[in-house]
N, C-alpha and C. Protein backbone atom coordinates (compact mmCIF):
# COMPACT_ATOMS: atom_id res chain seq x y z
N MET A 1 99.57 135.67 122.78
CA MET A 1 100.10 136.70 121.35
C MET A 1 100.86 135.35 120.66
N LEU A 2 100.71 135.58 119.02
CA LEU A 2 101.62 135.10 118.12
C LEU A 2 102.44 136.04 117.70
N LYS A 3 103.53 135.31 117.65
CA LYS A 3 104.31 136.08 117.41
C LYS A 3 105.50 135.93 115.63
N PHE A 4 105.07 136.53 114.66
CA PHE A 4 105.77 136.56 113.54
C PHE A 4 107.04 136.23 113.61
N VAL A 5 107.37 135.04 113.13
CA VAL A 5 108.79 134.67 112.50
C VAL A 5 109.47 134.62 111.27
N GLY A 6 109.87 136.13 110.72
CA GLY A 6 110.53 136.51 109.98
C GLY A 6 110.97 135.18 108.90
N GLU A 7 111.58 134.94 108.20
CA GLU A 7 111.66 134.30 107.11
C GLU A 7 113.16 134.18 107.43
N LYS A 8 114.51 134.57 107.89
CA LYS A 8 115.78 134.82 107.70
C LYS A 8 115.69 134.26 109.15
N ARG A 9 114.81 134.54 110.21
CA ARG A 9 114.75 133.70 111.92
C ARG A 9 114.55 132.17 111.58
N ARG A 10 113.28 132.13 110.35
CA ARG A 10 113.02 130.77 110.28
C ARG A 10 114.31 129.62 109.62
N LYS A 11 114.87 130.60 108.42
CA LYS A 11 115.90 129.75 108.18
C LYS A 11 116.44 129.13 108.96
N GLU A 12 117.61 130.73 109.94
CA GLU A 12 118.51 130.21 111.21
C GLU A 12 117.43 128.54 111.81
N MET A 13 116.35 129.20 112.01
CA MET A 13 115.93 127.94 112.97
C MET A 13 116.26 126.70 112.47
N GLN A 14 116.00 126.48 110.80
CA GLN A 14 116.11 125.21 110.46
C GLN A 14 117.62 124.64 110.18
N GLU A 15 118.51 125.49 110.19
CA GLU A 15 120.17 125.11 110.02
C GLU A 15 120.97 125.02 111.52
N GLU A 16 119.64 125.54 112.41
CA GLU A 16 120.57 125.15 114.20
C GLU A 16 121.14 124.02 114.30
N THR A 17 122.61 123.36 114.99
CA THR A 17 122.52 122.27 114.68
C THR A 17 121.67 121.84 116.18
N PRO A 18 121.40 120.01 116.35
CA PRO A 18 121.35 119.98 117.74
C PRO A 18 122.04 120.20 118.82
N PRO A 19 121.43 120.18 119.90
CA PRO A 19 122.03 120.36 121.07
C PRO A 19 123.20 119.33 121.65
N GLU A 20 123.99 119.39 122.34
CA GLU A 20 125.25 118.28 122.26
C GLU A 20 124.25 117.09 123.19
N GLY A 21 124.83 116.08 122.09
CA GLY A 21 124.74 114.57 122.56
C GLY A 21 122.92 114.14 121.89
N TYR A 22 122.47 115.06 121.06
CA TYR A 22 121.51 114.84 120.60
C TYR A 22 121.21 114.38 118.70
N ASN A 23 120.82 113.78 118.54
CA ASN A 23 121.11 114.10 116.83
C ASN A 23 119.52 113.96 116.30
N GLU A 24 119.35 114.67 115.00
CA GLU A 24 118.24 114.66 114.77
C GLU A 24 117.52 113.76 113.69
N TYR A 25 116.45 113.23 114.16
CA TYR A 25 115.70 112.21 112.98
C TYR A 25 114.75 112.28 112.78
N GLU A 26 114.27 111.78 111.48
CA GLU A 26 113.12 112.01 110.87
C GLU A 26 112.24 110.83 110.73
N MET A 27 110.96 111.37 111.28
CA MET A 27 109.97 110.02 110.98
C MET A 27 109.19 110.27 109.55
N THR A 28 108.96 109.09 109.78
CA THR A 28 107.96 108.08 108.10
C THR A 28 107.02 109.77 108.09
N VAL A 29 106.03 109.48 107.00
CA VAL A 29 104.64 110.41 107.08
C VAL A 29 103.84 109.49 108.06
N GLU A 30 103.78 108.42 108.00
CA GLU A 30 102.84 107.65 108.43
C GLU A 30 102.70 107.66 110.11
N GLU A 31 104.01 107.55 110.51
CA GLU A 31 104.69 107.63 111.89
C GLU A 31 104.47 109.18 112.37
N TYR A 32 104.63 110.41 111.37
CA TYR A 32 104.19 111.67 111.89
C TYR A 32 102.22 112.05 112.10
N GLU A 33 102.00 111.46 111.15
CA GLU A 33 100.19 110.88 111.41
C GLU A 33 99.90 110.70 112.76
N GLU A 34 100.53 109.59 112.80
CA GLU A 34 99.98 108.68 113.54
C GLU A 34 100.40 109.67 115.47
N ILE A 35 101.55 110.25 115.13
CA ILE A 35 102.04 111.06 116.61
C ILE A 35 100.98 112.31 116.40
N SER A 36 101.14 113.32 115.47
CA SER A 36 100.35 114.35 115.15
C SER A 36 98.23 113.93 115.66
N THR A 37 97.84 112.73 115.75
CA THR A 37 96.44 112.80 116.37
C THR A 37 96.67 111.82 117.05
N LEU A 38 97.88 110.76 118.20
CA LEU A 38 97.66 110.92 119.27
C LEU A 38 98.12 112.18 120.19
N THR A 39 98.93 113.14 119.90
CA THR A 39 99.18 114.31 120.31
C THR A 39 97.70 115.09 120.69
N LYS A 40 97.55 115.03 120.06
CA LYS A 40 95.83 116.14 119.46
C LYS A 40 95.18 115.32 120.19
N GLY A 41 94.99 114.32 120.67
CA GLY A 41 93.83 113.30 121.04
C GLY A 41 94.31 113.34 122.71
N ASN A 42 95.91 113.66 123.28
CA ASN A 42 95.80 113.28 124.36
C ASN A 42 95.61 115.03 125.07
N ASN A 43 96.24 115.96 123.86
CA ASN A 43 95.50 117.14 124.44
C ASN A 43 93.96 117.62 124.83
N LEU A 44 93.59 116.68 124.58
CA LEU A 44 91.72 116.81 124.58
C LEU A 44 91.26 115.66 125.98
N GLY A 45 92.24 115.08 126.18
CA GLY A 45 92.44 114.24 127.24
C GLY A 45 91.54 112.65 127.13
N GLU A 46 91.82 112.89 125.50
CA GLU A 46 90.91 111.17 124.66
C GLU A 46 91.87 110.28 124.88
N ILE A 47 92.90 110.56 124.96
CA ILE A 47 94.03 109.49 124.75
C ILE A 47 94.98 109.17 125.57
N PRO A 48 95.32 108.45 126.46
CA PRO A 48 96.38 108.43 127.89
C PRO A 48 97.52 108.53 126.90
N ASP A 49 98.24 108.81 128.36
CA ASP A 49 99.66 108.94 128.03
C ASP A 49 100.70 108.40 127.97
N SER A 50 100.15 106.82 128.47
CA SER A 50 100.15 105.66 127.97
C SER A 50 100.39 104.89 126.18
N LYS A 51 99.57 105.34 126.09
CA LYS A 51 99.82 105.48 124.08
C LYS A 51 100.49 106.15 123.38
N LEU A 52 101.28 107.65 123.96
CA LEU A 52 102.33 108.25 123.68
C LEU A 52 103.53 107.50 123.85
N ILE A 53 103.75 107.48 125.12
CA ILE A 53 105.01 106.78 125.59
C ILE A 53 105.68 105.20 124.71
N ALA A 54 104.01 104.44 124.61
CA ALA A 54 104.44 103.19 123.89
C ALA A 54 104.78 104.24 122.27
N PHE A 55 104.22 105.01 121.91
CA PHE A 55 105.04 105.24 120.80
C PHE A 55 106.31 105.96 120.63
N TRP A 56 106.96 106.50 121.84
CA TRP A 56 108.15 106.82 121.33
C TRP A 56 109.25 105.70 121.95
N LYS A 57 108.59 104.92 122.88
CA LYS A 57 109.20 103.43 123.10
C LYS A 57 109.05 102.99 121.70
N ARG A 58 108.15 102.77 120.77
CA ARG A 58 108.46 101.92 119.89
C ARG A 58 109.59 102.44 118.79
N LEU A 59 109.12 103.87 118.34
CA LEU A 59 110.29 104.56 117.59
C LEU A 59 111.76 104.74 117.85
N GLY A 60 111.95 104.51 119.10
CA GLY A 60 113.33 104.49 119.87
C GLY A 60 113.88 103.18 119.78
N GLU A 61 113.22 101.71 119.45
CA GLU A 61 113.63 100.79 119.37
C GLU A 61 114.38 101.02 117.89
N LYS A 62 112.96 101.34 117.05
CA LYS A 62 113.37 101.29 115.30
C LYS A 62 114.94 102.29 115.09
N TYR A 63 114.30 103.74 115.62
CA TYR A 63 115.41 104.12 115.19
C TYR A 63 116.93 104.54 116.41
N GLY A 64 117.18 103.48 116.94
CA GLY A 64 117.82 103.32 118.25
C GLY A 64 118.45 104.77 119.40
N PHE A 65 117.64 105.07 119.87
CA PHE A 65 117.78 106.68 120.40
C PHE A 65 117.18 105.94 121.92
N ASP A 66 117.14 106.77 122.97
CA ASP A 66 116.45 106.88 124.30
C ASP A 66 115.15 107.60 124.41
N TRP A 67 114.64 106.81 124.42
CA TRP A 67 112.61 107.55 124.00
C TRP A 67 112.27 108.59 125.07
N GLU A 68 112.96 108.31 126.08
CA GLU A 68 112.46 109.05 127.33
C GLU A 68 113.54 110.76 126.80
N THR A 69 113.98 111.22 125.78
CA THR A 69 114.67 112.01 125.50
C THR A 69 114.05 112.65 123.81
N GLY A 70 113.19 112.07 123.45
CA GLY A 70 112.80 112.75 122.10
C GLY A 70 111.95 113.57 122.54
N LYS A 71 112.18 114.92 121.48
CA LYS A 71 111.40 116.28 121.50
C LYS A 71 111.78 116.80 120.22
N ALA A 72 110.71 117.68 120.16
CA ALA A 72 110.57 118.52 118.51
C ALA A 72 112.32 119.39 118.47
N SER A 73 112.41 119.48 116.70
CA SER A 73 113.15 120.08 116.50
C SER A 73 112.64 121.43 115.92
N PRO A 74 113.78 122.06 115.66
CA PRO A 74 113.89 123.90 114.78
C PRO A 74 113.25 123.81 113.76
N LYS A 75 113.60 122.51 113.09
CA LYS A 75 112.45 122.16 111.87
C LYS A 75 110.91 121.70 111.74
N ARG A 76 110.84 120.98 113.04
CA ARG A 76 109.52 121.00 113.38
C ARG A 76 108.95 119.46 112.26
N GLY A 77 107.46 119.97 111.99
CA GLY A 77 107.31 118.19 111.22
C GLY A 77 107.11 116.93 111.59
N LYS A 78 108.35 116.51 110.53
CA LYS A 78 108.38 115.04 110.79
C LYS A 78 109.68 114.94 112.08
N PHE A 79 110.50 116.00 111.91
CA PHE A 79 111.78 115.97 112.49
C PHE A 79 111.82 116.28 114.18
N PHE A 80 112.65 115.61 114.41
CA PHE A 80 112.81 115.51 115.93
C PHE A 80 114.44 115.24 116.74
N LEU A 81 114.02 115.39 117.54
CA LEU A 81 115.82 115.37 118.67
C LEU A 81 115.07 114.27 118.95
N ALA A 82 116.73 113.52 119.97
CA ALA A 82 116.64 112.77 120.53
C ALA A 82 118.04 112.20 121.04
N VAL A 83 118.61 111.68 122.29
CA VAL A 83 119.87 111.37 122.40
C VAL A 83 119.92 109.93 122.09
N PRO A 84 121.03 109.57 121.06
CA PRO A 84 120.91 108.04 120.85
C PRO A 84 121.61 107.12 121.36
N GLU A 85 121.05 105.50 121.73
CA GLU A 85 121.39 104.68 122.71
C GLU A 85 122.86 104.01 122.82
N ASP A 86 122.82 104.02 124.27
CA ASP A 86 124.49 103.51 123.80
C ASP A 86 124.54 101.76 123.65
N LYS A 87 124.97 101.66 122.54
CA LYS A 87 125.39 100.58 122.05
C LYS A 87 126.21 99.41 122.35
């Protein structure tokens, strides 16, 4: 069952601070299109998990975060949360 999220709650979700230890990152449009295609294909059984893992590893190297910690941000879209790598 779909639940309508009111405009006030939507704004609150966008303003939430990331959980302790996480930073928020923003993908490029190209990266977002790529992950969207990979995810859709993976859900349909057309794209193996290894391609998604390779994508997150590449982003982790580029943006400096632990690729295994990447997850959706409340802002959705191109935004995601991850734990920065220890340098």
